[in-house]
Every structure is written in structure tokens, then in C-alpha cells.
């Protein structure tokens, strides 16, 4: 960022909508320069780590809780112990 540029935290930026990581990846390919997208998308040599990461993320499921008691609502969440 150039010294003359400033970031206004009050600016609203529309975020792309996606329902899963595959849709996010498709949107990323559309907006990122090819070299940048290829860097993040690709793996090295046998792509073992890339494949393992995809396998690990594929088992995570977010389960919506319907018809729950809403007399006390909290928006806090815990993810990976944080």
C-alpha cells in the first residue's frame, strides 16, 4: 500500500457469497491473478499434504440447531478451542 493510500475501516465491502469451499475456490479463481491462484491451489511434488488437508476439512460439518430454546441467546462460538 502506498503511503498516500489509507484504509477506511468504515467502508463497507460486499463479500462474495458461497455455501462451501468449492464455491469459494471457484470465486477465487475468477478474481485472483492466475499466478496467485495457482500458488494457493497447487501442491508440490506428489501433493500429499494438499490431499490430506482436503480430506481433513471434508469431515468437518457445521450442524444447524433447529427448534432450540431461544430465551437466552449468545452469538459466541468456539472453533478449534478458541
Protein backbone atom coordinates (compact mmCIF):
# COMPACT_ATOMS: atom_id res chain seq x y z
CA UNK A 1 0.00 0.00 0.00
CA UNK A 2 1.37 3.38 -0.95
CA UNK A 3 1.89 5.99 1.74
CA UNK A 4 -0.78 8.21 0.17
CA UNK A 5 -3.41 5.44 0.40
CA UNK A 6 -5.38 4.98 3.55
CA UNK A 7 -7.77 2.33 4.66
CA UNK A 8 -11.14 3.45 5.95
CA UNK A 9 -12.45 0.80 8.37
CA UNK A 10 -15.95 2.27 8.00
CA UNK A 11 -16.11 1.44 4.29
CA UNK A 12 -18.45 -1.41 3.59
CA UNK A 13 -17.23 -4.06 1.20
CA UNK A 14 -19.57 -6.63 -0.19
CA UNK A 15 -18.26 -10.08 0.49
CA UNK A 16 -18.84 -12.83 -2.04
CA UNK A 17 -21.48 -15.34 -1.05
CA UNK A 18 -20.60 -19.01 -1.04
CA UNK A 19 -22.04 -22.12 0.54
CA UNK A 20 -18.97 -24.34 0.56
CA UNK A 21 -15.24 -24.28 -0.06
CA UNK A 22 -15.62 -25.45 -3.65
CA UNK A 23 -17.75 -22.40 -4.48
CA UNK A 24 -15.22 -20.16 -2.71
CA UNK A 25 -12.43 -21.71 -4.77
CA UNK A 26 -14.35 -21.04 -7.98
CA UNK A 27 -14.87 -17.41 -6.99
CA UNK A 28 -11.20 -17.06 -6.03
CA UNK A 29 -10.16 -18.33 -9.47
CA UNK A 30 -12.33 -15.64 -11.06
CA UNK A 31 -10.80 -12.72 -9.14
CA UNK A 32 -7.19 -13.67 -8.34
CA UNK A 33 -4.35 -13.32 -10.82
CA UNK A 34 -3.58 -16.74 -12.32
CA UNK A 35 -0.14 -16.97 -10.71
CA UNK A 36 -1.56 -16.21 -7.25
CA UNK A 37 -4.45 -18.65 -7.64
CA UNK A 38 -2.13 -21.40 -8.90
CA UNK A 39 0.19 -20.84 -5.93
CA UNK A 40 -2.60 -21.31 -3.38
CA UNK A 41 -4.37 -24.06 -5.31
CA UNK A 42 -1.38 -26.18 -6.18
CA UNK A 43 0.69 -28.58 -4.18
CA UNK A 44 4.26 -29.64 -4.63
CA UNK A 45 5.51 -32.94 -5.99
CA UNK A 46 3.01 -35.66 -5.07
CA UNK A 47 0.59 -33.16 -3.45
CA UNK A 48 0.31 -35.41 -0.39
CA UNK A 49 -0.17 -32.54 2.06
CA UNK A 50 -2.73 -30.85 -0.18
CA UNK A 51 -4.74 -34.07 -0.46
CA UNK A 52 -4.51 -34.69 3.30
CA UNK A 53 -5.74 -31.15 4.05
CA UNK A 54 -8.70 -31.59 1.71
CA UNK A 55 -9.55 -34.92 3.34
CA UNK A 56 -9.36 -33.43 6.84
CA UNK A 57 -11.56 -30.42 6.00
CA UNK A 58 -14.11 -32.66 4.29
CA UNK A 59 -15.04 -34.34 7.60
CA UNK A 60 -15.96 -31.08 9.37
CA UNK A 61 -19.69 -30.48 9.39
CA UNK A 62 -21.50 -27.48 10.80
CA UNK A 63 -24.82 -28.67 12.15
CA UNK A 64 -27.61 -26.09 12.46
CA UNK A 65 -29.66 -26.47 15.63
CA UNK A 66 -33.36 -26.05 14.90
CA UNK A 67 -36.16 -25.60 17.43
CA UNK A 68 -33.89 -24.75 20.33
CA UNK A 69 -34.69 -22.71 23.43
CA UNK A 70 -34.04 -19.08 22.48
CA UNK A 71 -34.91 -17.40 25.77
CA UNK A 72 -31.17 -16.70 26.25
CA UNK A 73 -29.22 -16.23 23.02
CA UNK A 74 -25.48 -15.88 22.72
CA UNK A 75 -23.60 -15.37 19.46
CA UNK A 76 -20.29 -16.62 20.86
CA UNK A 77 -18.76 -19.70 19.27
CA UNK A 78 -15.76 -21.90 19.87
CA UNK A 79 -13.73 -23.17 16.94
CA UNK A 80 -10.61 -25.29 17.32
CA UNK A 81 -10.50 -24.45 21.04
CA UNK A 82 -10.66 -20.68 20.53
